[in-house]
Amino acid sequence: MLSRLDADDLGVPLGSRATLVHFSSAFCAPCRATRRVLADVAALVDGVTQVEIDAESHLDLVRRAGISRTPTTLVLGPDGRIAIRATGLPRKTDVLAVLGALS
């Protein structure tokens, strides 16, 4: 299982403070809510980038990252190291707490 992701894996540059990576699927209702929570956090915290990855379209990355269900959220540090992995709908306060711990 991967311990780090980079811009080549994600298709976008990493955030200078953190990157919120959200693996989703088309028929996943909690994935839509996860997208909103992570977008809110990214808008609130400078240097945070949000990336949504369609799990069905990126099976190689899903396998390499050990993703087994959607939604799965990874919080990456500025170096791409996976700081935390969580499944299900994240709470905004929990995501903000993880970002605070990265500082």
C-alpha atoms as a PDB file:
ATOM      1  CA  MET A   1       0.000   0.000   0.000  1.00  0.00           C
ATOM      2  CA  LEU A   2       1.221   3.474  -0.862  1.00  0.00           C
ATOM      3  CA  SER A   3       2.488   5.799   1.846  1.00  0.00           C
ATOM      4  CA  ARG A   4       2.799   8.818  -0.440  1.00  0.00           C
ATOM      5  CA  LEU A   5       1.119  10.274  -3.544  1.00  0.00           C
ATOM      6  CA  ASP A   6       2.479  12.906  -5.901  1.00  0.00           C
ATOM      7  CA  ALA A   7       1.207  15.265  -8.592  1.00  0.00           C
ATOM      8  CA  ASP A   8       1.662  12.582 -11.249  1.00  0.00           C
ATOM      9  CA  ASP A   9      -0.621  10.220  -9.295  1.00  0.00           C
ATOM     10  CA  LEU A  10      -3.273  12.900  -8.762  1.00  0.00           C
ATOM     11  CA  GLY A  11      -3.081  14.858 -11.999  1.00  0.00           C
ATOM     12  CA  VAL A  12      -2.800  18.180 -10.135  1.00  0.00           C
ATOM     13  CA  PRO A  13      -0.095  19.871  -8.039  1.00  0.00           C
ATOM     14  CA  LEU A  14      -0.063  19.162  -4.311  1.00  0.00           C
ATOM     15  CA  GLY A  15      -1.249  21.875  -1.942  1.00  0.00           C
ATOM     16  CA  SER A  16       1.484  23.851  -0.196  1.00  0.00           C
ATOM     17  CA  ARG A  17       0.010  22.955   3.197  1.00  0.00           C
ATOM     18  CA  ALA A  18      -2.024  19.812   2.484  1.00  0.00           C
ATOM     19  CA  THR A  19      -4.006  17.955  -0.154  1.00  0.00           C
ATOM     20  CA  LEU A  20      -7.411  16.408   0.483  1.00  0.00           C
ATOM     21  CA  VAL A  21      -7.856  13.409  -1.808  1.00  0.00           C
ATOM     22  CA  HIS A  22     -11.363  12.008  -2.069  1.00  0.00           C
ATOM     23  CA  PHE A  23     -11.996   8.693  -3.846  1.00  0.00           C
ATOM     24  CA  SER A  24     -15.601   8.563  -5.017  1.00  0.00           C
ATOM     25  CA  SER A  25     -17.944   6.633  -7.280  1.00  0.00           C
ATOM     26  CA  ALA A  26     -20.894   7.744  -9.383  1.00  0.00           C
ATOM     27  CA  PHE A  27     -23.718   6.196  -7.349  1.00  0.00           C
ATOM     28  CA  CYS A  28     -22.335   6.972  -3.898  1.00  0.00           C
ATOM     29  CA  ALA A  29     -24.588   9.430  -2.023  1.00  0.00           C
ATOM     30  CA  PRO A  30     -22.088  10.018   0.827  1.00  0.00           C
ATOM     31  CA  CYS A  31     -19.495  10.895  -1.844  1.00  0.00           C
ATOM     32  CA  ARG A  32     -21.472  14.000  -2.830  1.00  0.00           C
ATOM     33  CA  ALA A  33     -21.644  15.140   0.787  1.00  0.00           C
ATOM     34  CA  THR A  34     -17.921  14.400   1.208  1.00  0.00           C
ATOM     35  CA  ARG A  35     -17.167  16.599  -1.823  1.00  0.00           C
ATOM     36  CA  ARG A  36     -19.018  19.509  -0.169  1.00  0.00           C
ATOM     37  CA  VAL A  37     -17.296  19.070   3.210  1.00  0.00           C
ATOM     38  CA  LEU A  38     -13.829  18.926   1.665  1.00  0.00           C
ATOM     39  CA  ALA A  39     -14.544  21.876  -0.649  1.00  0.00           C
ATOM     40  CA  ASP A  40     -15.619  23.926   2.384  1.00  0.00           C
ATOM     41  CA  VAL A  41     -12.424  23.039   4.234  1.00  0.00           C
ATOM     42  CA  ALA A  42     -10.226  23.794   1.211  1.00  0.00           C
ATOM     43  CA  ALA A  43     -11.915  27.190   0.882  1.00  0.00           C
ATOM     44  CA  LEU A  44     -11.322  27.962   4.568  1.00  0.00           C
ATOM     45  CA  VAL A  45      -7.669  26.937   4.863  1.00  0.00           C
ATOM     46  CA  ASP A  46      -4.943  28.551   2.763  1.00  0.00           C
ATOM     47  CA  GLY A  47      -2.626  26.168   0.934  1.00  0.00           C
ATOM     48  CA  VAL A  48      -5.068  23.261   0.912  1.00  0.00           C
ATOM     49  CA  THR A  49      -5.958  21.616  -2.386  1.00  0.00           C
ATOM     50  CA  GLN A  50      -8.929  19.308  -2.878  1.00  0.00           C
ATOM     51  CA  VAL A  51      -8.831  16.482  -5.432  1.00  0.00           C
ATOM     52  CA  GLU A  52     -11.693  14.126  -6.231  1.00  0.00           C
ATOM     53  CA  ILE A  53     -10.785  10.870  -7.961  1.00  0.00           C
ATOM     54  CA  ASP A  54     -13.397   8.692  -9.629  1.00  0.00           C
ATOM     55  CA  ALA A  55     -12.488   5.246  -8.303  1.00  0.00           C
ATOM     56  CA  GLU A  56     -13.985   3.416 -11.283  1.00  0.00           C
ATOM     57  CA  SER A  57     -11.882   5.391 -13.768  1.00  0.00           C
ATOM     58  CA  HIS A  58      -8.615   5.062 -11.819  1.00  0.00           C
ATOM     59  CA  LEU A  59      -8.525   1.398 -10.814  1.00  0.00           C
ATOM     60  CA  ASP A  60      -4.713   1.198 -10.889  1.00  0.00           C
ATOM     61  CA  LEU A  61      -4.387   4.027  -8.367  1.00  0.00           C
ATOM     62  CA  VAL A  62      -7.242   2.584  -6.274  1.00  0.00           C
ATOM     63  CA  ARG A  63      -5.407  -0.753  -6.064  1.00  0.00           C
ATOM     64  CA  ARG A  64      -2.012   0.816  -5.335  1.00  0.00           C
ATOM     65  CA  ALA A  65      -3.521   3.024  -2.625  1.00  0.00           C
ATOM     66  CA  GLY A  66      -5.485   0.149  -1.065  1.00  0.00           C
ATOM     67  CA  ILE A  67      -8.880   1.822  -1.457  1.00  0.00           C
ATOM     68  CA  SER A  68     -11.649  -0.684  -0.718  1.00  0.00           C
ATOM     69  CA  ARG A  69     -14.752   1.527  -0.502  1.00  0.00           C
ATOM     70  CA  THR A  70     -16.063   4.959  -1.316  1.00  0.00           C
ATOM     71  CA  PRO A  71     -15.947   7.542  -0.041  1.00  0.00           C
ATOM     72  CA  THR A  72     -12.369   7.272   1.163  1.00  0.00           C
ATOM     73  CA  THR A  73     -10.485  10.436   2.048  1.00  0.00           C
ATOM     74  CA  LEU A  74      -6.718  10.762   2.285  1.00  0.00           C
ATOM     75  CA  VAL A  75      -5.106  13.813   3.837  1.00  0.00           C
ATOM     76  CA  LEU A  76      -1.653  14.352   2.387  1.00  0.00           C
ATOM     77  CA  GLY A  77       1.035  16.518   3.883  1.00  0.00           C
ATOM     78  CA  PRO A  78       2.857  19.026   1.671  1.00  0.00           C
ATOM     79  CA  ASP A  79       5.332  16.291   0.676  1.00  0.00           C
ATOM     80  CA  GLY A  80       2.523  13.940  -0.414  1.00  0.00           C
ATOM     81  CA  ARG A  81       2.898  11.654   2.604  1.00  0.00           C
ATOM     82  CA  ILE A  82      -0.461  10.171   3.652  1.00  0.00           C
ATOM     83  CA  ALA A  83      -1.108  11.625   7.100  1.00  0.00           C
ATOM     84  CA  ILE A  84      -4.498  10.007   7.584  1.00  0.00           C
ATOM     85  CA  ARG A  85      -6.945   7.758   5.750  1.00  0.00           C
ATOM     86  CA  ALA A  86     -10.655   7.664   6.541  1.00  0.00           C
ATOM     87  CA  THR A  87     -13.704   6.005   5.012  1.00  0.00           C
ATOM     88  CA  GLY A  88     -17.243   7.302   5.112  1.00  0.00           C
ATOM     89  CA  LEU A  89     -18.473  10.869   5.356  1.00  0.00           C
ATOM     90  CA  PRO A  90     -15.895  13.020   7.168  1.00  0.00           C
ATOM     91  CA  ARG A  91     -16.888  15.682   9.658  1.00  0.00           C
ATOM     92  CA  LYS A  92     -15.618  19.155   8.865  1.00  0.00           C
ATOM     93  CA  THR A  93     -14.258  19.595  12.406  1.00  0.00           C
ATOM     94  CA  ASP A  94     -12.265  16.351  12.133  1.00  0.00           C
ATOM     95  CA  VAL A  95     -10.695  17.378   8.823  1.00  0.00           C
ATOM     96  CA  LEU A  96      -9.790  20.794  10.254  1.00  0.00           C
ATOM     97  CA  ALA A  97      -8.231  19.092  13.294  1.00  0.00           C
ATOM     98  CA  VAL A  98      -6.065  16.871  11.078  1.00  0.00           C
ATOM     99  CA  LEU A  99      -4.929  19.908   9.094  1.00  0.00           C
ATOM    100  CA  GLY A 100      -4.085  21.695  12.336  1.00  0.00           C
ATOM    101  CA  ALA A 101      -1.951  18.748  13.426  1.00  0.00           C
ATOM    102  CA  LEU A 102       0.006  18.896  10.149  1.00  0.00           C
ATOM    103  CA  SER A 103       1.170  22.452  10.884  1.00  0.00           C
END
